[in-house]
Each structure stands twice: as structure tokens, then as C-alpha cells.
């Protein structure tokens, strides 16, 4: 548990010591990445759910990549 606290404090202290412009840019990057991931998860269905085995999934992906 101490390791996780040390990792958190490392990033917390680093973020705290940034200039105000750098903080705004990092916040912008985090918000942008969150929006992109949300859009990807909501609007792109998981088409591999219809296959039962990993081999079937791999064959489907390989066939579609080679077309």
C-alpha cells in the first residue's frame, strides 16, 4: 500500500509544481482523451462477441484485415 501512496504522491507533487499553462494543457489532454474513449466505447459495437473461441475471433480479424 505504501508503494501506491508513493506513486500517487510522485505524480501529485509533479502536477502541483507545474506552471499554470502546463496544468491547463494537461487538463485539456485528460478531458480530450476521456471524450475520445467515451465515443469509442459508445458508438463502436463489439462485433467479436458473436464468436465463441479466440481462434474464430482471430480468423475473422485476419480475414477482414486482408480484404
N, C-alpha and C. Protein backbone atom coordinates (compact mmCIF):
# COMPACT_ATOMS: atom_id res chain seq x y z
N UNK A 1 0.82 -1.19 0.00
CA UNK A 1 0.00 0.00 0.00
C UNK A 1 0.87 1.26 0.00
N UNK A 2 2.01 1.19 0.62
CA UNK A 2 2.93 2.32 0.67
C UNK A 2 3.44 2.66 -0.73
N UNK A 3 3.62 1.63 -1.55
CA UNK A 3 4.11 1.85 -2.91
C UNK A 3 3.09 2.68 -3.70
N UNK A 4 1.80 2.34 -3.58
CA UNK A 4 0.77 3.10 -4.28
C UNK A 4 0.72 4.55 -3.80
N UNK A 5 0.89 4.74 -2.51
CA UNK A 5 0.90 6.10 -1.96
C UNK A 5 2.09 6.88 -2.52
N UNK A 6 3.25 6.23 -2.59
CA UNK A 6 4.44 6.89 -3.13
C UNK A 6 4.27 7.27 -4.60
N UNK A 7 3.66 6.38 -5.38
CA UNK A 7 3.42 6.66 -6.79
C UNK A 7 2.46 7.83 -6.94
N UNK A 8 1.37 7.81 -6.15
CA UNK A 8 0.41 8.91 -6.20
C UNK A 8 1.07 10.23 -5.82
N UNK A 9 1.85 10.22 -4.76
CA UNK A 9 2.49 11.46 -4.31
C UNK A 9 3.50 11.98 -5.34
N UNK A 10 4.18 11.06 -6.02
CA UNK A 10 5.12 11.45 -7.07
C UNK A 10 4.42 12.29 -8.14
N UNK A 11 3.28 11.77 -8.64
CA UNK A 11 2.55 12.49 -9.68
C UNK A 11 1.85 13.72 -9.13
N UNK A 12 1.34 13.65 -7.91
CA UNK A 12 0.67 14.79 -7.29
C UNK A 12 1.63 15.96 -7.12
N UNK A 13 2.80 15.68 -6.58
CA UNK A 13 3.80 16.74 -6.39
C UNK A 13 4.27 17.31 -7.73
N UNK A 14 4.44 16.44 -8.71
CA UNK A 14 4.86 16.89 -10.03
C UNK A 14 3.83 17.80 -10.66
N UNK A 15 2.55 17.42 -10.54
CA UNK A 15 1.49 18.24 -11.11
C UNK A 15 1.37 19.56 -10.36
N UNK A 16 1.56 19.51 -9.06
CA UNK A 16 1.44 20.72 -8.24
C UNK A 16 2.53 21.74 -8.59
N UNK A 17 3.69 21.27 -9.01
CA UNK A 17 4.80 22.16 -9.30
C UNK A 17 4.83 22.67 -10.75
N UNK A 18 3.85 22.29 -11.56
CA UNK A 18 3.79 22.77 -12.94
C UNK A 18 3.33 24.22 -12.99
N UNK A 19 3.67 24.87 -14.08
CA UNK A 19 3.17 26.23 -14.29
C UNK A 19 1.67 26.16 -14.59
N UNK A 20 1.01 27.29 -14.52
CA UNK A 20 -0.44 27.30 -14.74
C UNK A 20 -0.78 26.92 -16.18
N UNK A 21 0.04 27.31 -17.14
CA UNK A 21 -0.20 26.93 -18.53
C UNK A 21 -0.07 25.42 -18.72
N UNK A 22 0.93 24.84 -18.10
CA UNK A 22 1.12 23.39 -18.20
C UNK A 22 -0.04 22.64 -17.57
N UNK A 23 -0.54 23.12 -16.44
CA UNK A 23 -1.69 22.48 -15.80
C UNK A 23 -2.91 22.52 -16.70
N UNK A 24 -3.14 23.66 -17.34
CA UNK A 24 -4.29 23.78 -18.25
C UNK A 24 -4.15 22.83 -19.43
N UNK A 25 -2.94 22.71 -19.96
CA UNK A 25 -2.73 21.81 -21.09
C UNK A 25 -2.95 20.35 -20.70
N UNK A 26 -2.47 19.94 -19.52
CA UNK A 26 -2.67 18.57 -19.07
C UNK A 26 -4.15 18.28 -18.80
N UNK A 27 -4.85 19.24 -18.24
CA UNK A 27 -6.29 19.07 -18.01
C UNK A 27 -7.01 18.93 -19.34
N UNK A 28 -6.62 19.74 -20.32
CA UNK A 28 -7.20 19.65 -21.66
C UNK A 28 -6.94 18.27 -22.28
N UNK A 29 -5.73 17.77 -22.15
CA UNK A 29 -5.38 16.45 -22.69
C UNK A 29 -6.21 15.36 -22.02
N UNK A 30 -6.37 15.42 -20.71
CA UNK A 30 -7.14 14.40 -19.99
C UNK A 30 -8.61 14.44 -20.40
N UNK A 31 -9.18 15.64 -20.52
CA UNK A 31 -10.58 15.76 -20.94
C UNK A 31 -10.75 15.24 -22.36
N UNK A 32 -9.83 15.59 -23.25
CA UNK A 32 -9.90 15.14 -24.64
C UNK A 32 -9.81 13.61 -24.73
N UNK A 33 -8.89 13.01 -24.00
CA UNK A 33 -8.75 11.55 -24.02
C UNK A 33 -10.00 10.87 -23.47
N UNK A 34 -10.60 11.45 -22.43
CA UNK A 34 -11.82 10.89 -21.86
C UNK A 34 -12.96 10.93 -22.87
N UNK A 35 -13.10 12.04 -23.57
CA UNK A 35 -14.16 12.16 -24.57
C UNK A 35 -13.94 11.16 -25.71
N UNK A 36 -12.72 11.03 -26.17
CA UNK A 36 -12.42 10.09 -27.27
C UNK A 36 -12.73 8.66 -26.85
N UNK A 37 -12.33 8.27 -25.65
CA UNK A 37 -12.59 6.90 -25.19
C UNK A 37 -14.08 6.66 -25.01
N UNK A 38 -14.82 7.64 -24.54
CA UNK A 38 -16.27 7.51 -24.37
C UNK A 38 -16.94 7.31 -25.72
N UNK A 39 -16.55 8.10 -26.69
CA UNK A 39 -17.13 7.97 -28.04
C UNK A 39 -16.81 6.60 -28.62
N UNK A 40 -15.59 6.15 -28.45
CA UNK A 40 -15.22 4.83 -28.98
C UNK A 40 -16.03 3.72 -28.33
N UNK A 41 -16.22 3.80 -27.03
CA UNK A 41 -16.96 2.75 -26.32
C UNK A 41 -18.45 2.78 -26.62
N UNK A 42 -19.01 3.96 -26.85
CA UNK A 42 -20.46 4.06 -27.07
C UNK A 42 -20.88 3.79 -28.50
N UNK A 43 -20.08 4.21 -29.47
CA UNK A 43 -20.52 4.16 -30.86
C UNK A 43 -19.92 3.04 -31.70
N UNK A 44 -18.96 2.32 -31.17
CA UNK A 44 -18.38 1.21 -31.92
C UNK A 44 -18.72 -0.10 -31.21
N UNK A 45 -19.60 -0.88 -31.81
CA UNK A 45 -20.04 -2.13 -31.15
C UNK A 45 -18.93 -3.18 -31.13
N UNK A 46 -19.04 -4.08 -30.20
CA UNK A 46 -18.09 -5.18 -30.10
C UNK A 46 -18.58 -6.31 -31.00
N UNK A 47 -18.08 -6.36 -32.23
CA UNK A 47 -18.57 -7.34 -33.19
C UNK A 47 -17.97 -8.72 -32.97
N UNK A 48 -17.01 -8.83 -32.08
CA UNK A 48 -16.38 -10.13 -31.83
C UNK A 48 -17.14 -10.95 -30.79
N UNK A 49 -18.21 -10.41 -30.22
CA UNK A 49 -19.00 -11.14 -29.23
C UNK A 49 -19.72 -12.35 -29.82
N UNK A 50 -19.94 -12.32 -31.14
CA UNK A 50 -20.68 -13.42 -31.76
C UNK A 50 -19.85 -14.69 -31.91
N UNK A 51 -18.54 -14.61 -31.68
CA UNK A 51 -17.67 -15.78 -31.80
C UNK A 51 -17.41 -16.37 -30.42
N UNK A 52 -17.26 -17.68 -30.38
CA UNK A 52 -17.09 -18.37 -29.10
C UNK A 52 -15.63 -18.56 -28.69
N UNK A 53 -14.77 -18.81 -29.66
CA UNK A 53 -13.38 -19.10 -29.32
C UNK A 53 -12.46 -17.99 -29.82
N UNK A 54 -11.29 -17.94 -29.23
CA UNK A 54 -10.29 -16.96 -29.67
C UNK A 54 -9.82 -17.23 -31.09
N UNK A 55 -9.80 -18.50 -31.48
CA UNK A 55 -9.37 -18.85 -32.83
C UNK A 55 -10.34 -18.31 -33.88
N UNK A 56 -11.63 -18.40 -33.59
CA UNK A 56 -12.64 -17.86 -34.51
C UNK A 56 -12.51 -16.34 -34.61
N UNK A 57 -12.27 -15.71 -33.48
CA UNK A 57 -12.09 -14.25 -33.48
C UNK A 57 -10.86 -13.86 -34.30
N UNK A 58 -9.77 -14.60 -34.11
CA UNK A 58 -8.54 -14.31 -34.84
C UNK A 58 -8.73 -14.50 -36.34
N UNK A 59 -9.43 -15.55 -36.72
CA UNK A 59 -9.69 -15.79 -38.15
C UNK A 59 -10.53 -14.67 -38.75
N UNK A 60 -11.54 -14.22 -38.03
CA UNK A 60 -12.40 -13.14 -38.51
C UNK A 60 -11.60 -11.85 -38.71
N UNK A 61 -10.78 -11.52 -37.73
CA UNK A 61 -9.97 -10.30 -37.82
C UNK A 61 -8.96 -10.41 -38.97
N UNK A 62 -8.29 -11.55 -39.08
CA UNK A 62 -7.31 -11.73 -40.16
C UNK A 62 -7.97 -11.64 -41.53
N UNK A 63 -9.14 -12.25 -41.69
CA UNK A 63 -9.84 -12.19 -42.98
C UNK A 63 -10.20 -10.76 -43.34
N UNK A 64 -10.67 -9.99 -42.36
CA UNK A 64 -11.09 -8.62 -42.65
C UNK A 64 -9.91 -7.67 -42.86
N UNK A 65 -8.78 -7.96 -42.25
CA UNK A 65 -7.60 -7.14 -42.47
C UNK A 65 -7.01 -7.37 -43.85
N UNK A 66 -7.17 -8.58 -44.37
CA UNK A 66 -6.54 -8.91 -45.64
C UNK A 66 -7.42 -8.55 -46.84
N UNK A 67 -8.64 -8.16 -46.60
CA UNK A 67 -9.54 -7.80 -47.72
C UNK A 67 -9.21 -6.44 -48.27
